[in-house]
Amino acid sequence: MKKKLFLVFIGLILTLNACAAKSQSPELVAPMPADRASSVNYGKGVEAPAAASFAPQESASNQAASVERMVIRTASMRVSVADPAQSMQAVQALANTLGGYVVSSEVGNTSDSAGVIYTTSSITIRVPAEKLDEAMAKIRSMAADAKTGVISESVSGQDVTSEYVDSESRLNNLKAAEKQLQELLDKATDLQYTVEIFRELTEIRGQIEVLQGQMKYLKESSQLSAISVWFIAEASLKPIEIGGWKPEGAAREALQALINAAQGLGTFLIWFAIAWLPFLIPLGLIAYFIIKAINKARAKRLAEKQKAYYYPQPVQAYPSNQPSTPQEPEQK
């Protein structure tokens, strides 16, 4: 009986974490009744702890509205430069100058259809969120051509304010439960109860560490924006020209003509299947049966002719001008 009452008390404390995870609306955690708390035996000379009571937590939506917005911004750029390796080193120095750091960097080689080898590089850095635009502007200035040097560029943002506030609310509830369990652990003298309380306390502290790690990641990610840059050698993008003739342009025009022809054929097939096929199918069936009937009648006539040719009519036994029976002589 004592063990059941003790587990009931522990369950009431652990519901603090469950309440924060299940609902965004404020909830009150019911304190343990005095009669039930007094009936639990915590060991000789140890008084039962006071009933736990917590103030209602503010809803996550209201808290998110009252705190500063936390947005994780991420940018990616693809730039053509004269020397990709040198540009990558310049971006490393830029990150240190702006108070950021380098996440990763890589230098490699690539070759075109003619076998010419070009250098490429990529780098990912993190800079303070308020200096993201400044960093991107300086990376644009590294392009070999101010107009066409930036091949592609994109910036995305993820609002994690509600997620951070929800994690903070759960963390507060877990810390309150940890405090109550610590008080029980300090006052308990029974070995069995001490082990059970210690086990629950260890589990809650593990959840607290996980939440603290998540909150730290969200906070740092919102304060430091990530920029991923791919540098391509400008020479690898120049079109081939032979005596004023550009094979690349001719190939592009031929490919466009092929695409236009495929689009025209696809459009015709769509119109044929939707507009004409429903009418042509019944007409085709009718024509099929008519032709089949005509062929059948023709085959029947041909069979009759062949039968008449191979099986002629029998010849008569007597001439047609003589009577078939002898006539009686006339009486004188």
Protein backbone atom coordinates (compact mmCIF):
# COMPACT_ATOMS: atom_id res chain seq x y z
CA MET A 1 0.00 0.00 0.00
CA LYS A 2 2.82 2.37 0.86
CA LYS A 3 4.48 1.69 -2.47
CA LYS A 4 1.28 2.46 -4.38
CA LEU A 5 0.82 5.77 -2.58
CA PHE A 6 4.41 6.70 -3.26
CA LEU A 7 4.07 5.95 -6.96
CA VAL A 8 0.89 8.07 -7.09
CA PHE A 9 2.83 10.99 -5.67
CA ILE A 10 5.66 10.53 -8.19
CA GLY A 11 3.12 10.31 -11.03
CA LEU A 12 1.56 13.63 -10.05
CA ILE A 13 4.94 15.30 -10.24
CA LEU A 14 5.78 13.80 -13.65
CA THR A 15 2.50 15.06 -15.12
CA LEU A 16 4.04 18.53 -15.14
CA ASN A 17 6.14 17.57 -18.15
CA ALA A 18 3.26 15.79 -19.89
CA CYS A 19 0.95 18.77 -19.50
CA ALA A 20 3.41 21.10 -21.24
CA ALA A 21 3.97 18.69 -24.12
CA LYS A 22 0.31 17.84 -24.79
CA SER A 23 -1.30 21.26 -24.78
CA GLN A 24 -0.36 24.83 -25.53
CA SER A 25 -3.00 26.23 -23.17
CA PRO A 26 -2.18 26.97 -19.53
CA GLU A 27 -2.97 24.19 -17.08
CA LEU A 28 -2.83 23.84 -13.33
CA VAL A 29 -1.06 20.88 -11.83
CA ALA A 30 -3.20 19.56 -9.03
CA PRO A 31 -1.30 19.44 -5.73
CA MET A 32 -1.17 16.23 -3.80
CA PRO A 33 -3.98 15.94 -1.23
CA ALA A 34 -2.86 16.45 2.35
CA ASP A 35 -4.38 13.19 3.59
CA ARG A 36 -2.59 11.19 0.88
CA ALA A 37 0.74 12.93 1.45
CA SER A 38 0.56 12.38 5.20
CA SER A 39 -0.16 8.67 4.72
CA VAL A 40 3.10 8.06 2.82
CA ASN A 41 5.92 6.77 5.03
CA TYR A 42 9.25 8.38 4.05
CA GLY A 43 11.20 6.82 6.86
CA LYS A 44 11.56 7.28 10.57
CA GLY A 45 11.77 10.89 11.67
CA VAL A 46 11.04 12.31 8.22
CA GLU A 47 8.04 14.55 7.68
CA ALA A 48 6.04 14.51 4.46
CA PRO A 49 6.89 17.39 2.11
CA ALA A 50 4.44 20.18 1.57
CA ALA A 51 1.94 19.71 -1.23
CA ALA A 52 3.37 20.87 -4.54
CA SER A 53 1.68 23.85 -6.08
CA PHE A 54 2.63 25.72 -9.21
CA ALA A 55 1.31 28.89 -10.76
CA PRO A 56 -0.40 28.50 -14.11
CA GLN A 57 2.00 28.80 -17.02
CA GLU A 58 1.34 31.37 -19.71
CA SER A 59 0.30 29.84 -23.03
CA ALA A 60 3.02 29.28 -25.63
CA SER A 61 1.31 31.59 -28.15
CA ASN A 62 1.15 34.46 -25.66
CA GLN A 63 4.76 33.93 -24.63
CA ALA A 64 5.86 33.80 -28.28
CA ALA A 65 4.14 37.11 -28.91
CA SER A 66 5.86 38.74 -25.91
CA VAL A 67 9.43 37.60 -26.73
CA GLU A 68 11.65 38.67 -29.60
CA ARG A 69 11.17 36.70 -32.79
CA MET A 70 13.73 33.96 -33.39
CA VAL A 71 14.27 33.28 -37.12
CA ILE A 72 16.91 30.94 -38.54
CA ARG A 73 18.11 32.44 -41.84
CA THR A 74 20.03 30.38 -44.38
CA ALA A 75 21.56 31.61 -47.65
CA SER A 76 23.11 29.82 -50.62
CA MET A 77 25.06 31.33 -53.51
CA ARG A 78 26.69 30.07 -56.72
CA VAL A 79 29.31 32.47 -58.08
CA SER A 80 31.76 32.37 -60.99
CA VAL A 81 35.21 33.77 -60.14
CA ALA A 82 38.66 33.87 -61.69
CA ASP A 83 40.27 31.71 -58.97
CA PRO A 84 37.88 29.58 -56.86
CA ALA A 85 40.56 28.56 -54.33
CA GLN A 86 41.59 32.16 -53.69
CA SER A 87 37.95 33.25 -53.36
CA MET A 88 37.34 30.52 -50.77
CA GLN A 89 40.23 31.84 -48.67
CA ALA A 90 38.78 35.35 -48.96
CA VAL A 91 35.43 34.09 -47.60
CA GLN A 92 37.24 32.44 -44.67
CA ALA A 93 38.85 35.76 -43.80
CA LEU A 94 35.48 37.50 -44.22
CA ALA A 95 33.83 35.17 -41.70
CA ASN A 96 36.51 35.89 -39.11
CA THR A 97 36.26 39.63 -39.73
CA LEU A 98 32.47 39.67 -39.21
CA GLY A 99 32.69 37.68 -35.98
CA GLY A 100 31.64 34.32 -37.45
CA TYR A 101 33.40 31.06 -38.21
CA VAL A 102 33.89 28.47 -40.96
CA VAL A 103 31.71 25.36 -40.81
CA SER A 104 33.24 23.47 -43.75
CA SER A 105 35.30 24.10 -46.89
CA GLU A 106 36.41 22.02 -49.89
CA VAL A 107 38.50 22.47 -53.04
CA GLY A 108 38.27 20.15 -56.05
CA ASN A 109 38.80 19.86 -59.80
CA THR A 110 36.42 19.24 -62.68
CA SER A 111 36.92 18.80 -66.44
CA ASP A 112 34.82 19.68 -69.47
CA SER A 113 34.12 17.64 -72.61
CA ALA A 114 37.45 18.75 -74.13
CA GLY A 115 39.40 17.45 -71.14
CA VAL A 116 40.31 20.87 -69.75
CA ILE A 117 40.57 20.80 -65.93
CA TYR A 118 39.10 23.63 -63.85
CA THR A 119 39.22 24.29 -60.11
CA THR A 120 36.04 24.50 -58.02
CA SER A 121 35.52 25.21 -54.33
CA SER A 122 32.74 25.32 -51.77
CA ILE A 123 32.54 26.79 -48.29
CA THR A 124 29.91 27.16 -45.56
CA ILE A 125 30.25 29.88 -42.94
CA ARG A 126 28.19 31.31 -40.08
CA VAL A 127 28.00 35.03 -39.43
CA PRO A 128 25.88 37.13 -37.05
CA ALA A 129 22.32 37.37 -38.34
CA GLU A 130 22.44 41.16 -38.53
CA LYS A 131 25.50 40.96 -40.82
CA LEU A 132 24.09 38.44 -43.29
CA ASP A 133 23.28 41.02 -45.96
CA GLU A 134 26.73 42.60 -45.59
CA ALA A 135 28.44 39.25 -46.02
CA MET A 136 26.39 38.38 -49.12
CA ALA A 137 27.18 41.78 -50.67
CA LYS A 138 30.92 41.21 -50.22
CA ILE A 139 30.68 37.73 -51.72
CA ARG A 140 28.87 39.18 -54.75
CA SER A 141 31.73 41.63 -55.23
CA MET A 142 34.11 38.66 -55.69
CA ALA A 143 32.39 37.65 -58.94
CA ALA A 144 34.45 37.97 -62.12
CA ASP A 145 31.55 39.64 -63.93
CA ALA A 146 29.41 42.08 -61.97
CA LYS A 147 26.33 41.38 -64.15
CA THR A 148 26.42 37.63 -64.75
CA GLY A 149 28.90 36.48 -62.10
CA VAL A 150 26.26 35.52 -59.55
CA ILE A 151 24.74 32.43 -61.15
CA SER A 152 22.16 31.75 -58.43
CA GLU A 153 21.27 33.09 -55.00
CA SER A 154 18.60 32.23 -52.42
CA VAL A 155 17.73 33.13 -48.82
CA SER A 156 15.28 31.21 -46.60
CA GLY A 157 14.04 31.76 -43.05
CA GLN A 158 12.48 29.51 -40.40
CA ASP A 159 10.61 30.98 -37.43
CA VAL A 160 11.38 28.91 -34.31
CA THR A 161 9.97 31.28 -31.69
CA SER A 162 7.06 29.03 -30.71
CA GLU A 163 9.31 25.97 -30.55
CA TYR A 164 11.77 27.79 -28.27
CA VAL A 165 9.02 29.07 -25.96
CA ASP A 166 7.45 25.62 -25.73
CA SER A 167 10.82 24.07 -24.84
CA GLU A 168 11.36 26.74 -22.21
CA SER A 169 7.97 26.02 -20.63
CA ARG A 170 8.68 22.29 -20.50
CA LEU A 171 12.10 23.00 -19.00
CA ASN A 172 10.57 25.05 -16.17
CA ASN A 173 8.12 22.26 -15.36
CA LEU A 174 10.87 19.66 -15.34
CA LYS A 175 13.00 21.78 -13.02
CA ALA A 176 10.07 22.15 -10.63
CA ALA A 177 9.60 18.37 -10.62
CA GLU A 178 13.34 17.93 -10.08
CA LYS A 179 13.20 20.19 -7.03
CA GLN A 180 10.36 18.20 -5.48
CA LEU A 181 12.14 14.90 -6.08
CA GLN A 182 15.35 16.29 -4.63
CA GLU A 183 13.48 17.25 -1.45
CA LEU A 184 12.06 13.73 -1.22
CA LEU A 185 15.50 12.25 -1.76
CA ASP A 186 17.02 14.38 1.00
CA LYS A 187 14.36 13.38 3.55
CA ALA A 188 13.84 9.71 2.64
CA THR A 189 15.56 7.14 4.88
CA ASP A 190 14.08 3.94 3.50
CA LEU A 191 16.49 2.29 1.03
CA GLN A 192 13.79 1.08 -1.38
CA TYR A 193 12.14 4.50 -1.65
CA THR A 194 15.53 6.19 -1.99
CA VAL A 195 16.42 4.02 -4.99
CA GLU A 196 13.06 4.68 -6.69
CA ILE A 197 13.31 8.43 -6.15
CA PHE A 198 16.88 8.48 -7.44
CA ARG A 199 15.81 6.61 -10.60
CA GLU A 200 13.02 9.12 -11.34
CA LEU A 201 15.34 12.04 -10.57
CA THR A 202 17.96 10.72 -13.01
CA GLU A 203 15.37 10.40 -15.80
CA ILE A 204 14.10 13.94 -15.30
CA ARG A 205 17.63 15.36 -15.28
CA GLY A 206 18.28 13.58 -18.59
CA GLN A 207 15.20 15.24 -20.11
CA ILE A 208 16.37 18.61 -18.77
CA GLU A 209 19.75 18.22 -20.47
CA VAL A 210 18.12 17.32 -23.81
CA LEU A 211 15.83 20.36 -23.67
CA GLN A 212 18.69 22.65 -22.73
CA GLY A 213 20.66 21.37 -25.73
CA GLN A 214 17.73 21.98 -28.09
CA MET A 215 17.20 25.49 -26.76
CA LYS A 216 20.90 26.28 -27.11
CA TYR A 217 20.89 25.09 -30.73
CA LEU A 218 17.81 27.16 -31.61
CA LYS A 219 19.24 30.26 -29.98
CA GLU A 220 22.63 29.98 -31.66
CA SER A 221 21.08 29.17 -35.04
CA SER A 222 18.90 32.28 -34.88
CA GLN A 223 21.83 34.46 -33.84
CA LEU A 224 24.24 33.10 -36.48
CA SER A 225 23.06 32.75 -40.08
CA ALA A 226 24.59 30.16 -42.42
CA ILE A 227 25.90 30.96 -45.91
CA SER A 228 26.83 28.19 -48.36
CA VAL A 229 28.88 29.35 -51.37
CA TRP A 230 29.94 27.39 -54.47
CA PHE A 231 32.72 29.02 -56.55
CA ILE A 232 33.06 28.03 -60.22
CA ALA A 233 35.91 29.00 -62.54
CA GLU A 234 34.80 31.66 -64.99
CA ALA A 235 36.77 30.03 -67.82
CA SER A 236 34.61 26.90 -67.59
CA LEU A 237 31.49 28.95 -68.40
CA LYS A 238 32.80 30.75 -71.53
CA PRO A 239 31.23 29.50 -74.79
CA ILE A 240 33.42 27.84 -77.46
CA GLU A 241 33.94 29.98 -80.59
CA ILE A 242 35.61 28.79 -83.84
CA GLY A 243 36.13 31.43 -86.53
CA GLY A 244 33.11 33.38 -85.35
CA TRP A 245 30.97 30.25 -85.22
CA LYS A 246 29.68 29.21 -81.80
CA PRO A 247 28.88 25.48 -81.64
CA GLU A 248 27.24 26.01 -78.28
CA GLY A 249 24.72 28.44 -79.80
CA ALA A 250 23.93 26.06 -82.68
CA ALA A 251 23.48 23.18 -80.26
CA ARG A 252 21.19 25.32 -78.10
CA GLU A 253 19.06 26.27 -81.13
CA ALA A 254 18.84 22.62 -82.27
CA LEU A 255 17.84 21.54 -78.78
CA GLN A 256 15.18 24.26 -78.65
CA ALA A 257 13.83 23.12 -82.04
CA LEU A 258 13.66 19.55 -80.75
CA ILE A 259 11.77 20.71 -77.67
CA ASN A 260 9.33 22.72 -79.80
CA ALA A 261 8.70 19.71 -82.06
CA ALA A 262 8.12 17.47 -79.05
CA GLN A 263 5.73 20.02 -77.58
CA GLY A 264 3.80 20.22 -80.87
CA LEU A 265 3.55 16.44 -81.12
CA GLY A 266 2.39 16.22 -77.52
CA THR A 267 -0.25 18.90 -78.11
CA PHE A 268 -1.55 17.05 -81.20
CA LEU A 269 -1.77 13.74 -79.33
CA ILE A 270 -3.67 15.38 -76.48
CA TRP A 271 -6.17 16.98 -78.87
CA PHE A 272 -6.53 13.73 -80.82
CA ALA A 273 -7.15 11.66 -77.69
CA ILE A 274 -9.67 14.09 -76.15
CA ALA A 275 -11.45 15.69 -79.11
CA TRP A 276 -11.36 13.10 -81.94
CA LEU A 277 -10.87 9.65 -80.45
CA PRO A 278 -14.34 9.44 -78.78
CA PHE A 279 -15.96 9.92 -82.25
CA LEU A 280 -13.52 7.82 -84.26
CA ILE A 281 -13.90 4.70 -82.12
CA PRO A 282 -17.68 4.18 -82.84
CA LEU A 283 -17.17 5.03 -86.54
CA GLY A 284 -14.32 2.56 -86.74
CA LEU A 285 -16.45 -0.21 -85.20
CA ILE A 286 -19.30 0.45 -87.65
CA ALA A 287 -16.90 0.42 -90.63
CA TYR A 288 -15.35 -2.81 -89.35
CA PHE A 289 -18.68 -4.66 -89.24
CA ILE A 290 -19.77 -3.32 -92.67
CA ILE A 291 -16.52 -4.43 -94.30
CA LYS A 292 -16.79 -7.77 -92.57
CA ALA A 293 -20.34 -8.28 -93.93
CA ILE A 294 -19.28 -7.31 -97.47
CA ASN A 295 -16.36 -9.72 -97.40
CA LYS A 296 -18.64 -12.48 -96.12
CA ALA A 297 -21.18 -11.96 -98.97
CA ARG A 298 -18.40 -11.86 -101.54
CA ALA A 299 -16.94 -15.10 -100.24
CA LYS A 300 -20.39 -16.75 -100.45
CA ARG A 301 -20.86 -15.77 -104.11
CA LEU A 302 -17.41 -17.00 -104.96
CA ALA A 303 -18.15 -20.33 -103.31
CA GLU A 304 -21.34 -20.73 -105.36
CA LYS A 305 -19.49 -20.06 -108.63
CA GLN A 306 -16.83 -22.60 -107.78
CA LYS A 307 -19.52 -25.18 -106.94
CA ALA A 308 -21.29 -24.63 -110.29
CA TYR A 309 -18.01 -25.03 -112.17
CA TYR A 310 -16.95 -28.28 -110.57
CA TYR A 311 -20.44 -29.85 -110.38
CA PRO A 312 -22.31 -29.24 -113.81
CA GLN A 313 -26.04 -30.12 -114.47
CA PRO A 314 -26.74 -33.77 -115.73
CA VAL A 315 -27.38 -34.25 -119.54
CA GLN A 316 -30.96 -35.36 -120.71
CA ALA A 317 -31.25 -39.06 -121.99
CA TYR A 318 -33.57 -38.34 -125.02
CA PRO A 319 -33.55 -35.59 -127.60
CA SER A 320 -35.78 -32.76 -126.92
CA ASN A 321 -37.68 -33.15 -130.35
CA GLN A 322 -38.68 -36.79 -129.75
CA PRO A 323 -41.24 -37.82 -127.25
CA SER A 324 -39.91 -39.55 -124.24
CA THR A 325 -42.50 -42.45 -124.56
CA PRO A 326 -43.45 -44.47 -127.76
CA GLN A 327 -46.71 -43.48 -129.41
CA GLU A 328 -49.43 -46.10 -130.13
CA PRO A 329 -50.18 -46.81 -133.87
CA GLU A 330 -53.23 -45.29 -135.31
CA GLN A 331 -56.11 -47.66 -135.99
CA LYS A 332 -57.44 -47.80 -139.49
